Amino acid sequence: MLDGSETVELLVCIKCRGDALPDDEGERPGAVLHRRLAEEGVEGVRITPVECLSNCTRGCTVALRGPGRWTYVYGAFEGEGDLSPLREGALRYRDAADGLVPWRERPEHFRKNCIARIPPL
């Protein structure tokens, strides 16, 4: 079991557009979400852009994973207003040795928009 200090990975779909159109510079909402997270960072969490998480009907999608941890896929992120709960959820995941954050300790967005939970290898 991990002690929670190892780096975990937050995958952010940069092709996601949710219900929004690309911004004035042609950047999709998923790409904006990734850029903002990468600019601000999340301590102990590697933020990785991915081309598609195949969840196109449920808004911008992310996944949290790490060695020996459960992987979670979350959807319905729509933009900069979702940065705070996403950052909070990633930190709680980072601090959970096996990736299992107790349901009541997850940000509300995570409780309502979990797409999948995948066991560790």
N, C-alpha and C. Protein backbone atom coordinates (compact mmCIF):
# COMPACT_ATOMS: atom_id res chain seq x y z
N MET A 1 0.83 -1.18 0.00
CA MET A 1 0.00 0.00 0.00
C MET A 1 0.88 1.25 0.00
N LEU A 2 0.42 2.29 -0.66
CA LEU A 2 1.18 3.53 -0.76
C LEU A 2 0.93 4.39 0.47
N ASP A 3 1.88 5.26 0.76
CA ASP A 3 1.73 6.15 1.91
C ASP A 3 1.05 7.47 1.55
N GLY A 4 0.64 7.65 0.31
CA GLY A 4 -0.05 8.86 -0.10
C GLY A 4 0.88 9.96 -0.57
N SER A 5 2.20 9.79 -0.40
CA SER A 5 3.13 10.85 -0.78
C SER A 5 3.62 10.70 -2.22
N GLU A 6 3.39 9.55 -2.85
CA GLU A 6 3.82 9.36 -4.23
C GLU A 6 2.95 10.20 -5.16
N THR A 7 3.54 10.59 -6.25
CA THR A 7 2.80 11.38 -7.22
C THR A 7 1.69 10.55 -7.84
N VAL A 8 0.53 11.14 -7.92
CA VAL A 8 -0.58 10.54 -8.65
C VAL A 8 -0.79 11.35 -9.91
N GLU A 9 -1.62 10.86 -10.80
CA GLU A 9 -1.81 11.51 -12.09
C GLU A 9 -3.27 11.90 -12.28
N LEU A 10 -3.47 13.12 -12.74
CA LEU A 10 -4.78 13.62 -13.12
C LEU A 10 -4.78 13.75 -14.64
N LEU A 11 -5.56 12.90 -15.29
CA LEU A 11 -5.69 12.96 -16.75
C LEU A 11 -6.83 13.90 -17.08
N VAL A 12 -6.61 14.83 -17.99
CA VAL A 12 -7.63 15.80 -18.38
C VAL A 12 -7.84 15.70 -19.88
N CYS A 13 -9.07 15.40 -20.29
CA CYS A 13 -9.38 15.32 -21.72
C CYS A 13 -9.35 16.73 -22.32
N ILE A 14 -8.46 16.94 -23.26
CA ILE A 14 -8.35 18.27 -23.88
C ILE A 14 -9.25 18.41 -25.10
N LYS A 15 -9.91 17.34 -25.51
CA LYS A 15 -10.85 17.39 -26.63
C LYS A 15 -12.27 17.67 -26.16
N CYS A 16 -12.51 17.54 -24.86
CA CYS A 16 -13.85 17.74 -24.31
C CYS A 16 -14.32 19.17 -24.56
N ARG A 17 -15.58 19.26 -24.92
CA ARG A 17 -16.14 20.59 -25.07
C ARG A 17 -17.38 20.79 -24.23
N GLY A 18 -17.91 19.72 -23.65
CA GLY A 18 -19.11 19.87 -22.82
C GLY A 18 -20.21 20.49 -23.64
N ASP A 19 -20.95 21.41 -23.04
CA ASP A 19 -22.03 22.09 -23.74
C ASP A 19 -21.55 23.39 -24.38
N ALA A 20 -20.28 23.73 -24.17
CA ALA A 20 -19.75 25.00 -24.65
C ALA A 20 -19.02 24.85 -25.97
N LEU A 21 -18.93 25.93 -26.67
CA LEU A 21 -18.13 25.99 -27.90
C LEU A 21 -16.71 26.42 -27.54
N PRO A 22 -15.76 26.21 -28.43
CA PRO A 22 -14.41 26.70 -28.15
C PRO A 22 -14.42 28.19 -27.85
N ASP A 23 -13.47 28.65 -27.04
CA ASP A 23 -13.39 30.06 -26.69
C ASP A 23 -12.92 30.89 -27.89
N ASP A 24 -12.69 32.16 -27.67
CA ASP A 24 -12.32 33.07 -28.76
C ASP A 24 -11.04 32.65 -29.49
N GLU A 25 -10.15 31.95 -28.80
CA GLU A 25 -8.92 31.49 -29.43
C GLU A 25 -9.06 30.09 -30.00
N GLY A 26 -10.28 29.54 -29.99
CA GLY A 26 -10.51 28.22 -30.54
C GLY A 26 -10.14 27.09 -29.60
N GLU A 27 -9.93 27.43 -28.33
CA GLU A 27 -9.54 26.42 -27.34
C GLU A 27 -10.80 25.79 -26.73
N ARG A 28 -10.86 24.46 -26.75
CA ARG A 28 -12.01 23.75 -26.18
C ARG A 28 -12.00 23.86 -24.66
N PRO A 29 -13.17 23.79 -24.03
CA PRO A 29 -13.22 23.89 -22.57
C PRO A 29 -12.32 22.89 -21.84
N GLY A 30 -12.19 21.66 -22.36
CA GLY A 30 -11.30 20.68 -21.74
C GLY A 30 -9.85 21.14 -21.79
N ALA A 31 -9.45 21.75 -22.89
CA ALA A 31 -8.08 22.26 -23.03
C ALA A 31 -7.86 23.45 -22.09
N VAL A 32 -8.88 24.28 -21.94
CA VAL A 32 -8.78 25.41 -21.01
C VAL A 32 -8.63 24.88 -19.58
N LEU A 33 -9.44 23.88 -19.24
CA LEU A 33 -9.37 23.28 -17.92
C LEU A 33 -7.97 22.72 -17.66
N HIS A 34 -7.42 22.00 -18.62
CA HIS A 34 -6.07 21.46 -18.48
C HIS A 34 -5.04 22.57 -18.31
N ARG A 35 -5.13 23.58 -19.16
CA ARG A 35 -4.14 24.67 -19.11
C ARG A 35 -4.16 25.37 -17.75
N ARG A 36 -5.35 25.67 -17.26
CA ARG A 36 -5.47 26.36 -15.97
C ARG A 36 -4.94 25.50 -14.82
N LEU A 37 -5.25 24.20 -14.85
CA LEU A 37 -4.73 23.30 -13.82
C LEU A 37 -3.21 23.21 -13.89
N ALA A 38 -2.68 23.11 -15.10
CA ALA A 38 -1.23 23.01 -15.29
C ALA A 38 -0.54 24.29 -14.85
N GLU A 39 -1.15 25.44 -15.12
CA GLU A 39 -0.56 26.72 -14.71
C GLU A 39 -0.49 26.83 -13.19
N GLU A 40 -1.56 26.47 -12.53
CA GLU A 40 -1.63 26.62 -11.07
C GLU A 40 -1.02 25.43 -10.35
N GLY A 41 -1.06 24.26 -10.97
CA GLY A 41 -0.52 23.06 -10.37
C GLY A 41 -1.33 22.55 -9.20
N VAL A 42 -1.12 21.29 -8.90
CA VAL A 42 -1.70 20.65 -7.73
C VAL A 42 -0.55 19.86 -7.11
N GLU A 43 -0.13 20.24 -5.92
CA GLU A 43 1.06 19.64 -5.31
C GLU A 43 0.95 18.12 -5.23
N GLY A 44 1.98 17.43 -5.75
CA GLY A 44 2.02 15.98 -5.69
C GLY A 44 1.16 15.28 -6.72
N VAL A 45 0.61 16.06 -7.66
CA VAL A 45 -0.25 15.49 -8.69
C VAL A 45 0.28 15.91 -10.06
N ARG A 46 0.58 14.94 -10.90
CA ARG A 46 1.01 15.22 -12.28
C ARG A 46 -0.26 15.41 -13.11
N ILE A 47 -0.32 16.53 -13.84
CA ILE A 47 -1.49 16.86 -14.66
C ILE A 47 -1.13 16.56 -16.11
N THR A 48 -1.86 15.62 -16.71
CA THR A 48 -1.53 15.10 -18.02
C THR A 48 -2.67 15.30 -19.00
N PRO A 49 -2.42 15.94 -20.15
CA PRO A 49 -3.47 16.06 -21.16
C PRO A 49 -3.64 14.74 -21.90
N VAL A 50 -4.86 14.39 -22.23
CA VAL A 50 -5.14 13.21 -23.04
C VAL A 50 -6.12 13.60 -24.15
N GLU A 51 -6.06 12.87 -25.24
CA GLU A 51 -6.88 13.21 -26.42
C GLU A 51 -8.36 12.92 -26.22
N CYS A 52 -8.70 11.82 -25.54
CA CYS A 52 -10.12 11.50 -25.36
C CYS A 52 -10.27 10.46 -24.28
N LEU A 53 -11.25 10.66 -23.41
CA LEU A 53 -11.59 9.66 -22.40
C LEU A 53 -12.92 9.00 -22.74
N SER A 54 -13.42 9.23 -23.94
CA SER A 54 -14.61 8.56 -24.47
C SER A 54 -15.83 8.71 -23.57
N ASN A 55 -16.06 9.92 -23.12
CA ASN A 55 -17.21 10.23 -22.28
C ASN A 55 -17.85 11.53 -22.76
N CYS A 56 -17.93 11.66 -24.06
CA CYS A 56 -18.28 12.92 -24.71
C CYS A 56 -19.65 13.48 -24.36
N THR A 57 -20.56 12.66 -23.89
CA THR A 57 -21.91 13.16 -23.60
C THR A 57 -22.06 13.69 -22.18
N ARG A 58 -20.99 13.64 -21.38
CA ARG A 58 -21.10 14.05 -19.97
C ARG A 58 -20.14 15.16 -19.60
N GLY A 59 -19.98 16.14 -20.47
CA GLY A 59 -19.13 17.29 -20.15
C GLY A 59 -17.65 16.93 -20.16
N CYS A 60 -16.84 17.87 -19.69
CA CYS A 60 -15.40 17.63 -19.64
C CYS A 60 -15.12 16.51 -18.64
N THR A 61 -14.19 15.64 -19.02
CA THR A 61 -13.92 14.43 -18.24
C THR A 61 -12.47 14.39 -17.79
N VAL A 62 -12.28 13.88 -16.57
CA VAL A 62 -10.95 13.70 -16.01
C VAL A 62 -10.88 12.30 -15.39
N ALA A 63 -9.65 11.84 -15.15
CA ALA A 63 -9.44 10.59 -14.42
C ALA A 63 -8.29 10.77 -13.45
N LEU A 64 -8.40 10.15 -12.30
CA LEU A 64 -7.34 10.15 -11.29
C LEU A 64 -6.83 8.73 -11.16
N ARG A 65 -5.50 8.56 -11.22
CA ARG A 65 -4.92 7.23 -11.10
C ARG A 65 -3.55 7.30 -10.44
N GLY A 66 -3.11 6.16 -9.98
CA GLY A 66 -1.79 6.05 -9.38
C GLY A 66 -1.48 4.59 -9.12
N PRO A 67 -0.20 4.26 -9.00
CA PRO A 67 0.20 2.87 -8.77
C PRO A 67 -0.42 2.32 -7.47
N GLY A 68 -1.02 1.14 -7.57
CA GLY A 68 -1.62 0.50 -6.41
C GLY A 68 -2.89 1.16 -5.91
N ARG A 69 -3.44 2.07 -6.71
CA ARG A 69 -4.64 2.81 -6.31
C ARG A 69 -5.81 2.48 -7.22
N TRP A 70 -7.00 2.70 -6.70
CA TRP A 70 -8.19 2.66 -7.53
C TRP A 70 -8.13 3.86 -8.47
N THR A 71 -8.62 3.70 -9.69
CA THR A 71 -8.71 4.78 -10.67
C THR A 71 -10.16 5.26 -10.70
N TYR A 72 -10.34 6.57 -10.74
CA TYR A 72 -11.68 7.15 -10.83
C TYR A 72 -11.78 8.01 -12.08
N VAL A 73 -12.95 7.95 -12.73
CA VAL A 73 -13.25 8.79 -13.88
C VAL A 73 -14.43 9.67 -13.48
N TYR A 74 -14.28 10.98 -13.69
CA TYR A 74 -15.32 11.94 -13.34
C TYR A 74 -15.66 12.79 -14.55
N GLY A 75 -16.93 13.18 -14.67
CA GLY A 75 -17.36 14.00 -15.79
C GLY A 75 -18.09 15.25 -15.32
N ALA A 76 -18.65 15.95 -16.30
CA ALA A 76 -19.49 17.13 -16.09
C ALA A 76 -18.74 18.35 -15.59
N PHE A 77 -17.44 18.43 -15.86
CA PHE A 77 -16.71 19.66 -15.56
C PHE A 77 -16.95 20.62 -16.72
N GLU A 78 -17.25 21.86 -16.41
CA GLU A 78 -17.62 22.80 -17.47
C GLU A 78 -16.67 23.97 -17.63
N GLY A 79 -15.81 24.22 -16.70
CA GLY A 79 -14.92 25.36 -16.89
C GLY A 79 -14.22 25.77 -15.63
N GLU A 80 -13.80 27.03 -15.62
CA GLU A 80 -12.97 27.54 -14.53
C GLU A 80 -13.65 27.47 -13.18
N GLY A 81 -14.98 27.52 -13.14
CA GLY A 81 -15.70 27.41 -11.87
C GLY A 81 -15.53 26.05 -11.22
N ASP A 82 -15.10 25.07 -12.01
CA ASP A 82 -14.90 23.72 -11.49
C ASP A 82 -13.46 23.46 -11.05
N LEU A 83 -12.59 24.45 -11.15
CA LEU A 83 -11.19 24.25 -10.75
C LEU A 83 -11.05 23.93 -9.27
N SER A 84 -11.76 24.64 -8.42
CA SER A 84 -11.62 24.44 -6.98
C SER A 84 -12.04 23.04 -6.54
N PRO A 85 -13.24 22.55 -6.91
CA PRO A 85 -13.58 21.19 -6.50
C PRO A 85 -12.68 20.13 -7.14
N LEU A 86 -12.21 20.38 -8.34
CA LEU A 86 -11.32 19.44 -9.00
C LEU A 86 -9.98 19.38 -8.26
N ARG A 87 -9.45 20.52 -7.91
CA ARG A 87 -8.19 20.57 -7.16
C ARG A 87 -8.36 19.90 -5.80
N GLU A 88 -9.45 20.21 -5.11
CA GLU A 88 -9.71 19.61 -3.80
C GLU A 88 -9.83 18.09 -3.91
N GLY A 89 -10.57 17.61 -4.90
CA GLY A 89 -10.72 16.17 -5.09
C GLY A 89 -9.41 15.48 -5.41
N ALA A 90 -8.57 16.13 -6.22
CA ALA A 90 -7.27 15.55 -6.56
C ALA A 90 -6.38 15.47 -5.33
N LEU A 91 -6.43 16.46 -4.47
CA LEU A 91 -5.63 16.44 -3.24
C LEU A 91 -6.11 15.35 -2.29
N ARG A 92 -7.41 15.20 -2.17
CA ARG A 92 -7.95 14.14 -1.30
C ARG A 92 -7.57 12.76 -1.85
N TYR A 93 -7.63 12.61 -3.16
CA TYR A 93 -7.22 11.35 -3.79
C TYR A 93 -5.74 11.10 -3.53
N ARG A 94 -4.93 12.12 -3.70
CA ARG A 94 -3.49 12.00 -3.45
C ARG A 94 -3.21 11.52 -2.03
N ASP A 95 -3.98 12.02 -1.08
CA ASP A 95 -3.74 11.71 0.33
C ASP A 95 -4.33 10.37 0.77
N ALA A 96 -5.15 9.75 -0.05
CA ALA A 96 -5.73 8.44 0.27
C ALA A 96 -4.77 7.36 -0.25
N ALA A 97 -4.22 6.57 0.65
CA ALA A 97 -3.18 5.60 0.29
C ALA A 97 -3.57 4.69 -0.86
N ASP A 98 -4.84 4.29 -0.94
CA ASP A 98 -5.27 3.37 -2.00
C ASP A 98 -6.18 4.04 -3.02
N GLY A 99 -6.34 5.36 -2.90
CA GLY A 99 -7.20 6.09 -3.82
C GLY A 99 -8.66 6.11 -3.42
N LEU A 100 -9.01 5.38 -2.37
CA LEU A 100 -10.40 5.33 -1.93
C LEU A 100 -10.68 6.44 -0.93
N VAL A 101 -11.22 7.53 -1.43
CA VAL A 101 -11.60 8.66 -0.57
C VAL A 101 -13.01 8.36 -0.06
N PRO A 102 -13.23 8.39 1.26
CA PRO A 102 -14.57 8.15 1.77
C PRO A 102 -15.58 9.07 1.08
N TRP A 103 -16.73 8.52 0.74
CA TRP A 103 -17.74 9.23 -0.05
C TRP A 103 -18.06 10.61 0.52
N ARG A 104 -18.27 10.69 1.81
CA ARG A 104 -18.65 11.97 2.44
C ARG A 104 -17.52 12.99 2.42
N GLU A 105 -16.28 12.56 2.20
CA GLU A 105 -15.14 13.47 2.16
C GLU A 105 -14.83 13.96 0.75
N ARG A 106 -15.54 13.45 -0.23
CA ARG A 106 -15.32 13.88 -1.61
C ARG A 106 -16.05 15.20 -1.87
N PRO A 107 -15.49 16.06 -2.72
CA PRO A 107 -16.24 17.26 -3.10
C PRO A 107 -17.59 16.83 -3.71
N GLU A 108 -18.59 17.66 -3.53
CA GLU A 108 -19.93 17.33 -4.03
C GLU A 108 -19.91 16.97 -5.51
N HIS A 109 -19.14 17.70 -6.30
CA HIS A 109 -19.07 17.40 -7.74
C HIS A 109 -18.60 15.97 -7.97
N PHE A 110 -17.64 15.49 -7.19
CA PHE A 110 -17.14 14.13 -7.33
C PHE A 110 -18.21 13.12 -6.94
N ARG A 111 -18.99 13.42 -5.89
CA ARG A 111 -20.04 12.50 -5.45
C ARG A 111 -21.12 12.35 -6.52
N LYS A 112 -21.43 13.42 -7.22
CA LYS A 112 -22.54 13.41 -8.18
C LYS A 112 -22.14 13.04 -9.60
N ASN A 113 -20.84 13.05 -9.92
CA ASN A 113 -20.43 12.89 -11.32
C ASN A 113 -19.36 11.83 -11.53
N CYS A 114 -19.39 10.77 -10.72
CA CYS A 114 -18.45 9.66 -10.90
C CYS A 114 -18.94 8.79 -12.06
N ILE A 115 -18.10 8.59 -13.04
CA ILE A 115 -18.42 7.78 -14.21
C ILE A 115 -18.01 6.32 -13.98
N ALA A 116 -16.82 6.13 -13.40
CA ALA A 116 -16.32 4.77 -13.19
C ALA A 116 -15.31 4.73 -12.07
N ARG A 117 -15.23 3.58 -11.44
CA ARG A 117 -14.22 3.28 -10.44
C ARG A 117 -13.58 1.96 -10.88
N ILE A 118 -12.27 2.00 -11.08
CA ILE A 118 -11.56 0.85 -11.65
C ILE A 118 -10.54 0.36 -10.63
N PRO A 119 -10.52 -0.95 -10.33
CA PRO A 119 -9.60 -1.44 -9.31
C PRO A 119 -8.15 -1.37 -9.78
N PRO A 120 -7.21 -1.34 -8.81
CA PRO A 120 -5.80 -1.32 -9.17
C PRO A 120 -5.40 -2.62 -9.86
N LEU A 121 -4.31 -2.57 -10.61
CA LEU A 121 -3.79 -3.79 -11.25
C LEU A 121 -3.29 -4.75 -10.21
